[in-house]
Amino acid sequence: MGKPKQYNRLAKRYPDYTAAVERLGETVKHAGPLEPKIAELIQLAAAATAHSEGAVHSHARRALKAGATADEVHHAILLLTSTIGFPAVSAALSWIDDIEG
């Protein structure tokens, strides 16, 4: 799946900016010992806490691609219940359902 339309608009308008953001993302992923699956699950949880539907979609896809199971993706969100509350967890799970079909 391609990048979201808004990201593509930003990349067209600010190519140096988006290239720098992408380099930063790649740099921090390789800066430590976490395996890609765990890193994506952490970023997925962060996206859910920020109530970012697009980022939840993106990081759920990436986590699955990195080897996470659907149960692991769901569990990463369920673990947030006492932190962000049931309504936010429910919303994030619905966004994951969007990509699972």
Protein backbone atom coordinates (compact mmCIF):
# COMPACT_ATOMS: atom_id res chain seq x y z
CA MET A 1 0.00 0.00 0.00
CA GLY A 2 1.26 3.46 -0.83
CA LYS A 3 1.66 6.39 1.50
CA PRO A 4 -1.35 8.50 2.49
CA LYS A 5 -2.39 11.34 0.19
CA GLN A 6 -1.54 13.98 2.78
CA TYR A 7 1.98 12.60 3.14
CA ASN A 8 2.42 12.63 -0.63
CA ARG A 9 1.22 16.26 -0.75
CA LEU A 10 3.72 17.20 1.94
CA ALA A 11 6.50 15.35 0.14
CA LYS A 12 5.73 17.20 -3.08
CA ARG A 13 5.59 20.57 -1.40
CA TYR A 14 8.46 20.02 1.07
CA PRO A 15 10.69 17.26 -0.33
CA ASP A 16 13.72 18.09 1.82
CA TYR A 17 11.60 18.08 4.95
CA THR A 18 9.96 14.72 4.31
CA ALA A 19 13.28 13.18 3.27
CA ALA A 20 14.78 14.35 6.57
CA VAL A 21 11.85 12.90 8.54
CA GLU A 22 12.28 9.57 6.76
CA ARG A 23 16.04 9.56 7.45
CA LEU A 24 15.38 10.31 11.11
CA GLY A 25 12.95 7.40 11.34
CA GLU A 26 15.44 5.01 9.78
CA THR A 27 18.29 6.30 11.95
CA VAL A 28 16.46 5.77 15.24
CA LYS A 29 15.28 2.30 14.20
CA HIS A 30 18.90 1.23 13.80
CA ALA A 31 20.20 3.08 16.87
CA GLY A 32 19.43 0.38 19.40
CA PRO A 33 18.96 -3.30 20.07
CA LEU A 34 15.18 -3.64 19.60
CA GLU A 35 14.08 -6.00 16.87
CA PRO A 36 11.83 -4.44 14.20
CA LYS A 37 8.66 -6.17 15.41
CA ILE A 38 9.05 -4.78 18.94
CA ALA A 39 9.93 -1.31 17.63
CA GLU A 40 6.77 -1.26 15.50
CA LEU A 41 4.60 -2.42 18.40
CA ILE A 42 6.01 0.42 20.52
CA GLN A 43 5.33 2.93 17.75
CA LEU A 44 1.85 1.47 17.32
CA ALA A 45 1.13 2.06 20.99
CA ALA A 46 2.47 5.61 20.76
CA ALA A 47 0.24 6.26 17.75
CA ALA A 48 -2.78 5.04 19.69
CA THR A 49 -1.97 7.34 22.61
CA ALA A 50 -1.76 10.25 20.18
CA HIS A 51 -5.17 9.29 18.73
CA SER A 52 -3.59 9.19 15.27
CA GLU A 53 -5.70 6.93 13.07
CA GLY A 54 -3.29 7.14 10.13
CA ALA A 55 -0.28 6.29 12.28
CA VAL A 56 -2.15 3.37 13.88
CA HIS A 57 -2.92 2.04 10.39
CA SER A 58 0.70 2.49 9.33
CA HIS A 59 2.34 0.95 12.38
CA ALA A 60 -0.13 -1.93 12.60
CA ARG A 61 0.70 -2.81 8.98
CA ARG A 62 4.41 -2.45 9.67
CA ALA A 63 4.23 -4.56 12.82
CA LEU A 64 2.44 -7.34 10.95
CA LYS A 65 4.99 -7.12 8.14
CA ALA A 66 7.80 -7.32 10.72
CA GLY A 67 6.38 -10.60 12.02
CA ALA A 68 3.91 -9.60 14.73
CA THR A 69 0.77 -11.68 14.93
CA ALA A 70 -2.67 -10.11 14.92
CA ASP A 71 -2.97 -11.14 18.58
CA GLU A 72 0.27 -9.29 19.42
CA VAL A 73 -0.94 -6.16 17.63
CA HIS A 74 -4.23 -6.25 19.53
CA HIS A 75 -2.48 -6.96 22.83
CA ALA A 76 -0.16 -3.95 22.35
CA ILE A 77 -3.29 -1.78 22.23
CA LEU A 78 -5.18 -3.56 25.02
CA LEU A 79 -2.22 -2.96 27.33
CA LEU A 80 -2.94 0.77 27.06
CA THR A 81 -6.37 0.56 28.72
CA SER A 82 -5.28 1.81 32.15
CA THR A 83 -3.16 4.52 30.51
CA ILE A 84 -5.39 6.00 27.81
CA GLY A 85 -8.80 4.58 28.75
CA PHE A 86 -11.32 2.26 27.19
CA PRO A 87 -12.74 4.70 24.59
CA ALA A 88 -9.30 5.43 23.11
CA VAL A 89 -8.37 1.73 23.12
CA SER A 90 -11.67 0.87 21.44
CA ALA A 91 -11.04 3.49 18.76
CA ALA A 92 -7.50 2.21 18.12
CA LEU A 93 -8.75 -1.37 17.84
CA SER A 94 -11.36 -0.24 15.32
CA TRP A 95 -8.58 1.40 13.26
CA ILE A 96 -6.66 -1.89 13.32
CA ASP A 97 -9.83 -3.64 12.17
CA ASP A 98 -9.80 -1.26 9.17
CA ILE A 99 -6.57 -2.77 7.91
CA GLU A 100 -7.40 -6.36 8.78
CA GLY A 101 -10.47 -6.29 6.59
